[in-house]
Amino acid sequence: MKHIPTCKLCGDQYDLARLDIGYAVCLDCGDEIAKDRKFTIAPLNKSNYICITDMAMLKQLNPKRTI
């Protein structure tokens, strides 16, 4: 029998299936972590998509920028 995992942040117990897919925090703490992270997906010219977390980097990707 497997033990019931406990959240590393709040100490509450959460579903074993969540641990099996690689999460070490409960759903509520996971939602809070996700809300704190801000990013956008930007297409690169003649290439793939990239995850941008820095606004300055996003501005550098625009070839028609004026500043």
PDB file of N, CA and C in Angstrom:
ATOM      1  N   MET A   1       0.847  -1.185   0.000  1.00  0.00           N
ATOM      2  CA  MET A   1       0.000   0.000   0.000  1.00  0.00           C
ATOM      3  C   MET A   1       0.890   1.246   0.000  1.00  0.00           C
ATOM      4  N   LYS A   2       0.566   2.168  -0.873  1.00  0.00           N
ATOM      5  CA  LYS A   2       1.334   3.404  -0.964  1.00  0.00           C
ATOM      6  C   LYS A   2       0.813   4.419   0.042  1.00  0.00           C
ATOM      7  N   HIS A   3       1.700   5.271   0.501  1.00  0.00           N
ATOM      8  CA  HIS A   3       1.294   6.305   1.449  1.00  0.00           C
ATOM      9  C   HIS A   3       0.629   7.470   0.722  1.00  0.00           C
ATOM     10  N   ILE A   4      -0.148   8.245   1.433  1.00  0.00           N
ATOM     11  CA  ILE A   4      -0.791   9.433   0.865  1.00  0.00           C
ATOM     12  C   ILE A   4       0.217  10.572   0.932  1.00  0.00           C
ATOM     13  N   PRO A   5       0.537  11.197  -0.202  1.00  0.00           N
ATOM     14  CA  PRO A   5       1.559  12.255  -0.209  1.00  0.00           C
ATOM     15  C   PRO A   5       1.069  13.528   0.475  1.00  0.00           C
ATOM     16  N   THR A   6       2.011  14.286   1.007  1.00  0.00           N
ATOM     17  CA  THR A   6       1.692  15.566   1.626  1.00  0.00           C
ATOM     18  C   THR A   6       2.351  16.681   0.825  1.00  0.00           C
ATOM     19  N   CYS A   7       1.681  17.799   0.753  1.00  0.00           N
ATOM     20  CA  CYS A   7       2.150  18.963   0.001  1.00  0.00           C
ATOM     21  C   CYS A   7       3.405  19.534   0.657  1.00  0.00           C
ATOM     22  N   LYS A   8       4.395  19.877  -0.159  1.00  0.00           N
ATOM     23  CA  LYS A   8       5.637  20.444   0.367  1.00  0.00           C
ATOM     24  C   LYS A   8       5.462  21.881   0.852  1.00  0.00           C
ATOM     25  N   LEU A   9       4.400  22.547   0.404  1.00  0.00           N
ATOM     26  CA  LEU A   9       4.200  23.948   0.791  1.00  0.00           C
ATOM     27  C   LEU A   9       3.279  24.114   1.987  1.00  0.00           C
ATOM     28  N   CYS A  10       2.110  23.464   1.943  1.00  0.00           N
ATOM     29  CA  CYS A  10       1.129  23.692   3.012  1.00  0.00           C
ATOM     30  C   CYS A  10       0.988  22.504   3.966  1.00  0.00           C
ATOM     31  N   GLY A  11       1.472  21.329   3.577  1.00  0.00           N
ATOM     32  CA  GLY A  11       1.392  20.166   4.445  1.00  0.00           C
ATOM     33  C   GLY A  11       0.104  19.367   4.338  1.00  0.00           C
ATOM     34  N   ASP A  12      -0.822  19.795   3.496  1.00  0.00           N
ATOM     35  CA  ASP A  12      -2.063  19.047   3.302  1.00  0.00           C
ATOM     36  C   ASP A  12      -1.795  17.796   2.472  1.00  0.00           C
ATOM     37  N   GLN A  13      -2.649  16.813   2.618  1.00  0.00           N
ATOM     38  CA  GLN A  13      -2.539  15.602   1.824  1.00  0.00           C
ATOM     39  C   GLN A  13      -3.253  15.813   0.497  1.00  0.00           C
ATOM     40  N   TYR A  14      -2.717  15.183  -0.563  1.00  0.00           N
ATOM     41  CA  TYR A  14      -3.334  15.307  -1.880  1.00  0.00           C
ATOM     42  C   TYR A  14      -3.356  13.945  -2.561  1.00  0.00           C
ATOM     43  N   ASP A  15      -3.986  13.879  -3.705  1.00  0.00           N
ATOM     44  CA  ASP A  15      -4.229  12.624  -4.414  1.00  0.00           C
ATOM     45  C   ASP A  15      -2.928  11.973  -4.894  1.00  0.00           C
ATOM     46  N   LEU A  16      -2.849  10.673  -4.767  1.00  0.00           N
ATOM     47  CA  LEU A  16      -1.679   9.913  -5.168  1.00  0.00           C
ATOM     48  C   LEU A  16      -1.432  10.001  -6.676  1.00  0.00           C
ATOM     49  N   ALA A  17      -2.486  10.124  -7.457  1.00  0.00           N
ATOM     50  CA  ALA A  17      -2.335  10.233  -8.913  1.00  0.00           C
ATOM     51  C   ALA A  17      -1.566  11.498  -9.283  1.00  0.00           C
ATOM     52  N   ARG A  18      -1.710  12.549  -8.502  1.00  0.00           N
ATOM     53  CA  ARG A  18      -0.981  13.794  -8.752  1.00  0.00           C
ATOM     54  C   ARG A  18       0.519  13.585  -8.519  1.00  0.00           C
ATOM     55  N   LEU A  19       0.874  12.811  -7.530  1.00  0.00           N
ATOM     56  CA  LEU A  19       2.276  12.491  -7.279  1.00  0.00           C
ATOM     57  C   LEU A  19       2.842  11.616  -8.397  1.00  0.00           C
ATOM     58  N   ASP A  20       2.028  10.699  -8.903  1.00  0.00           N
ATOM     59  CA  ASP A  20       2.471   9.792  -9.966  1.00  0.00           C
ATOM     60  C   ASP A  20       2.841  10.532 -11.248  1.00  0.00           C
ATOM     61  N   ILE A  21       2.227  11.676 -11.505  1.00  0.00           N
ATOM     62  CA  ILE A  21       2.563  12.437 -12.714  1.00  0.00           C
ATOM     63  C   ILE A  21       3.630  13.491 -12.446  1.00  0.00           C
ATOM     64  N   GLY A  22       4.158  13.525 -11.217  1.00  0.00           N
ATOM     65  CA  GLY A  22       5.327  14.349 -10.960  1.00  0.00           C
ATOM     66  C   GLY A  22       5.138  15.591 -10.118  1.00  0.00           C
ATOM     67  N   TYR A  23       3.964  15.834  -9.595  1.00  0.00           N
ATOM     68  CA  TYR A  23       3.730  17.028  -8.780  1.00  0.00           C
ATOM     69  C   TYR A  23       3.995  16.732  -7.307  1.00  0.00           C
ATOM     70  N   ALA A  24       4.678  17.660  -6.622  1.00  0.00           N
ATOM     71  CA  ALA A  24       4.983  17.493  -5.205  1.00  0.00           C
ATOM     72  C   ALA A  24       4.164  18.440  -4.343  1.00  0.00           C
ATOM     73  N   VAL A  25       3.220  19.149  -4.960  1.00  0.00           N
ATOM     74  CA  VAL A  25       2.360  20.082  -4.223  1.00  0.00           C
ATOM     75  C   VAL A  25       0.904  19.771  -4.526  1.00  0.00           C
ATOM     76  N   CYS A  26       0.021  20.218  -3.638  1.00  0.00           N
ATOM     77  CA  CYS A  26      -1.412  19.993  -3.834  1.00  0.00           C
ATOM     78  C   CYS A  26      -1.936  20.893  -4.951  1.00  0.00           C
ATOM     79  N   LEU A  27      -3.165  20.681  -5.345  1.00  0.00           N
ATOM     80  CA  LEU A  27      -3.755  21.434  -6.444  1.00  0.00           C
ATOM     81  C   LEU A  27      -3.876  22.918  -6.122  1.00  0.00           C
ATOM     82  N   ASP A  28      -4.265  23.249  -4.901  1.00  0.00           N
ATOM     83  CA  ASP A  28      -4.407  24.662  -4.521  1.00  0.00           C
ATOM     84  C   ASP A  28      -3.066  25.391  -4.556  1.00  0.00           C
ATOM     85  N   CYS A  29      -2.024  24.781  -4.013  1.00  0.00           N
ATOM     86  CA  CYS A  29      -0.696  25.406  -4.036  1.00  0.00           C
ATOM     87  C   CYS A  29      -0.161  25.478  -5.463  1.00  0.00           C
ATOM     88  N   GLY A  30      -0.450  24.472  -6.266  1.00  0.00           N
ATOM     89  CA  GLY A  30      -0.039  24.484  -7.665  1.00  0.00           C
ATOM     90  C   GLY A  30      -0.685  25.615  -8.435  1.00  0.00           C
ATOM     91  N   ASP A  31      -1.959  25.897  -8.143  1.00  0.00           N
ATOM     92  CA  ASP A  31      -2.641  27.023  -8.782  1.00  0.00           C
ATOM     93  C   ASP A  31      -2.008  28.347  -8.389  1.00  0.00           C
ATOM     94  N   GLU A  32      -1.641  28.491  -7.136  1.00  0.00           N
ATOM     95  CA  GLU A  32      -0.999  29.729  -6.680  1.00  0.00           C
ATOM     96  C   GLU A  32       0.360  29.929  -7.341  1.00  0.00           C
ATOM     97  N   ILE A  33       1.110  28.861  -7.489  1.00  0.00           N
ATOM     98  CA  ILE A  33       2.415  28.949  -8.160  1.00  0.00           C
ATOM     99  C   ILE A  33       2.221  29.359  -9.620  1.00  0.00           C
ATOM    100  N   ALA A  34       1.224  28.777 -10.273  1.00  0.00           N
ATOM    101  CA  ALA A  34       0.972  29.084 -11.680  1.00  0.00           C
ATOM    102  C   ALA A  34       0.537  30.535 -11.872  1.00  0.00           C
ATOM    103  N   LYS A  35      -0.206  31.083 -10.928  1.00  0.00           N
ATOM    104  CA  LYS A  35      -0.657  32.473 -11.042  1.00  0.00           C
ATOM    105  C   LYS A  35       0.494  33.455 -10.881  1.00  0.00           C
ATOM    106  N   ASP A  36       1.531  33.056 -10.142  1.00  0.00           N
ATOM    107  CA  ASP A  36       2.674  33.937  -9.921  1.00  0.00           C
ATOM    108  C   ASP A  36       3.589  34.016 -11.136  1.00  0.00           C
ATOM    109  N   ARG A  37       3.561  33.023 -11.978  1.00  0.00           N
ATOM    110  CA  ARG A  37       4.443  32.989 -13.147  1.00  0.00           C
ATOM    111  C   ARG A  37       3.722  33.594 -14.340  1.00  0.00           C
ATOM    112  N   LYS A  38       4.359  34.565 -14.959  1.00  0.00           N
ATOM    113  CA  LYS A  38       3.757  35.219 -16.111  1.00  0.00           C
ATOM    114  C   LYS A  38       4.644  34.988 -17.326  1.00  0.00           C
ATOM    115  N   PHE A  39       4.023  34.587 -18.419  1.00  0.00           N
ATOM    116  CA  PHE A  39       4.768  34.336 -19.641  1.00  0.00           C
ATOM    117  C   PHE A  39       3.836  34.487 -20.824  1.00  0.00           C
ATOM    118  N   THR A  40       4.414  34.532 -21.984  1.00  0.00           N
ATOM    119  CA  THR A  40       3.652  34.548 -23.220  1.00  0.00           C
ATOM    120  C   THR A  40       4.377  33.692 -24.242  1.00  0.00           C
ATOM    121  N   ILE A  41       3.657  33.214 -25.219  1.00  0.00           N
ATOM    122  CA  ILE A  41       4.238  32.422 -26.293  1.00  0.00           C
ATOM    123  C   ILE A  41       4.337  33.310 -27.519  1.00  0.00           C
ATOM    124  N   ALA A  42       5.526  33.385 -28.114  1.00  0.00           N
ATOM    125  CA  ALA A  42       5.743  34.246 -29.274  1.00  0.00           C
ATOM    126  C   ALA A  42       6.297  33.419 -30.430  1.00  0.00           C
ATOM    127  N   PRO A  43       5.791  33.670 -31.650  1.00  0.00           N
ATOM    128  CA  PRO A  43       6.351  32.965 -32.810  1.00  0.00           C
ATOM    129  C   PRO A  43       7.632  33.653 -33.279  1.00  0.00           C
ATOM    130  N   LEU A  44       8.631  32.873 -33.617  1.00  0.00           N
ATOM    131  CA  LEU A  44       9.862  33.414 -34.172  1.00  0.00           C
ATOM    132  C   LEU A  44       9.764  33.384 -35.693  1.00  0.00           C
ATOM    133  N   ASN A  45      10.383  34.352 -36.337  1.00  0.00           N
ATOM    134  CA  ASN A  45      10.335  34.458 -37.783  1.00  0.00           C
ATOM    135  C   ASN A  45      10.988  33.237 -38.434  1.00  0.00           C
ATOM    136  N   LYS A  46      10.247  32.553 -39.286  1.00  0.00           N
ATOM    137  CA  LYS A  46      10.712  31.364 -40.010  1.00  0.00           C
ATOM    138  C   LYS A  46      11.257  30.284 -39.066  1.00  0.00           C
ATOM    139  N   SER A  47      10.650  30.172 -37.909  1.00  0.00           N
ATOM    140  CA  SER A  47      11.125  29.192 -36.942  1.00  0.00           C
ATOM    141  C   SER A  47       9.947  28.668 -36.129  1.00  0.00           C
ATOM    142  N   ASN A  48      10.205  28.331 -34.896  1.00  0.00           N
ATOM    143  CA  ASN A  48       9.193  27.772 -34.011  1.00  0.00           C
ATOM    144  C   ASN A  48       8.684  28.823 -33.030  1.00  0.00           C
ATOM    145  N   TYR A  49       7.976  28.392 -32.021  1.00  0.00           N
ATOM    146  CA  TYR A  49       7.470  29.263 -30.975  1.00  0.00           C
ATOM    147  C   TYR A  49       8.413  29.220 -29.782  1.00  0.00           C
ATOM    148  N   ILE A  50       8.448  30.311 -29.010  1.00  0.00           N
ATOM    149  CA  ILE A  50       9.310  30.384 -27.836  1.00  0.00           C
ATOM    150  C   ILE A  50       8.515  30.957 -26.670  1.00  0.00           C
ATOM    151  N   CYS A  51       8.789  30.450 -25.490  1.00  0.00           N
ATOM    152  CA  CYS A  51       8.146  30.937 -24.272  1.00  0.00           C
ATOM    153  C   CYS A  51       8.957  32.128 -23.752  1.00  0.00           C
ATOM    154  N   ILE A  52       8.321  33.287 -23.633  1.00  0.00           N
ATOM    155  CA  ILE A  52       8.981  34.522 -23.210  1.00  0.00           C
ATOM    156  C   ILE A  52       8.521  34.874 -21.798  1.00  0.00           C
ATOM    157  N   THR A  53       9.478  35.094 -20.901  1.00  0.00           N
ATOM    158  CA  THR A  53       9.144  35.529 -19.552  1.00  0.00           C
ATOM    159  C   THR A  53       9.667  36.931 -19.257  1.00  0.00           C
ATOM    160  N   ASP A  54      10.487  37.469 -20.144  1.00  0.00           N
ATOM    161  CA  ASP A  54      11.076  38.788 -19.953  1.00  0.00           C
ATOM    162  C   ASP A  54      10.541  39.732 -21.027  1.00  0.00           C
ATOM    163  N   MET A  55       9.936  40.843 -20.618  1.00  0.00           N
ATOM    164  CA  MET A  55       9.341  41.779 -21.561  1.00  0.00           C
ATOM    165  C   MET A  55      10.389  42.392 -22.482  1.00  0.00           C
ATOM    166  N   ALA A  56      11.594  42.623 -21.991  1.00  0.00           N
ATOM    167  CA  ALA A  56      12.653  43.191 -22.824  1.00  0.00           C
ATOM    168  C   ALA A  56      13.018  42.236 -23.964  1.00  0.00           C
ATOM    169  N   MET A  57      13.031  40.960 -23.685  1.00  0.00           N
ATOM    170  CA  MET A  57      13.327  39.975 -24.725  1.00  0.00           C
ATOM    171  C   MET A  57      12.235  39.971 -25.787  1.00  0.00           C
ATOM    172  N   LEU A  58      10.996  40.126 -25.372  1.00  0.00           N
ATOM    173  CA  LEU A  58       9.881  40.170 -26.308  1.00  0.00           C
ATOM    174  C   LEU A  58      10.005  41.380 -27.226  1.00  0.00           C
ATOM    175  N   LYS A  59      10.413  42.512 -26.677  1.00  0.00           N
ATOM    176  CA  LYS A  59      10.584  43.718 -27.495  1.00  0.00           C
ATOM    177  C   LYS A  59      11.712  43.551 -28.499  1.00  0.00           C
ATOM    178  N   GLN A  60      12.739  42.816 -28.162  1.00  0.00           N
ATOM    179  CA  GLN A  60      13.862  42.604 -29.070  1.00  0.00           C
ATOM    180  C   GLN A  60      13.496  41.724 -30.258  1.00  0.00           C
ATOM    181  N   LEU A  61      12.454  40.912 -30.123  1.00  0.00           N
ATOM    182  CA  LEU A  61      12.044  40.032 -31.205  1.00  0.00           C
ATOM    183  C   LEU A  61      11.327  40.771 -32.329  1.00  0.00           C
ATOM    184  N   ASN A  62      10.857  41.976 -32.067  1.00  0.00           N
ATOM    185  CA  ASN A  62      10.117  42.749 -33.070  1.00  0.00           C
ATOM    186  C   ASN A  62      11.106  43.471 -33.987  1.00  0.00           C
ATOM    187  N   PRO A  63      11.210  43.061 -35.253  1.00  0.00           N
ATOM    188  CA  PRO A  63      12.181  43.701 -36.144  1.00  0.00           C
ATOM    189  C   PRO A  63      11.785  45.120 -36.562  1.00  0.00           C
ATOM    190  N   LYS A  64      10.554  45.515 -36.369  1.00  0.00           N
ATOM    191  CA  LYS A  64      10.082  46.840 -36.778  1.00  0.00           C
ATOM    192  C   LYS A  64       9.940  47.790 -35.586  1.00  0.00           C
ATOM    193  N   ARG A  65      10.599  47.503 -34.480  1.00  0.00           N
ATOM    194  CA  ARG A  65      10.486  48.343 -33.301  1.00  0.00           C
ATOM    195  C   ARG A  65      11.141  49.697 -33.585  1.00  0.00           C
ATOM    196  N   THR A  66      10.674  50.726 -32.901  1.00  0.00           N
ATOM    197  CA  THR A  66      11.229  52.076 -33.095  1.00  0.00           C
ATOM    198  C   THR A  66      12.094  52.499 -31.924  1.00  0.00           C
ATOM    199  N   ILE A  67      12.047  51.773 -30.846  1.00  0.00           N
ATOM    200  CA  ILE A  67      12.857  52.136 -29.659  1.00  0.00           C
ATOM    201  C   ILE A  67      13.868  51.072 -29.380  1.00  0.00           C
TER     202      ILE A  67
END
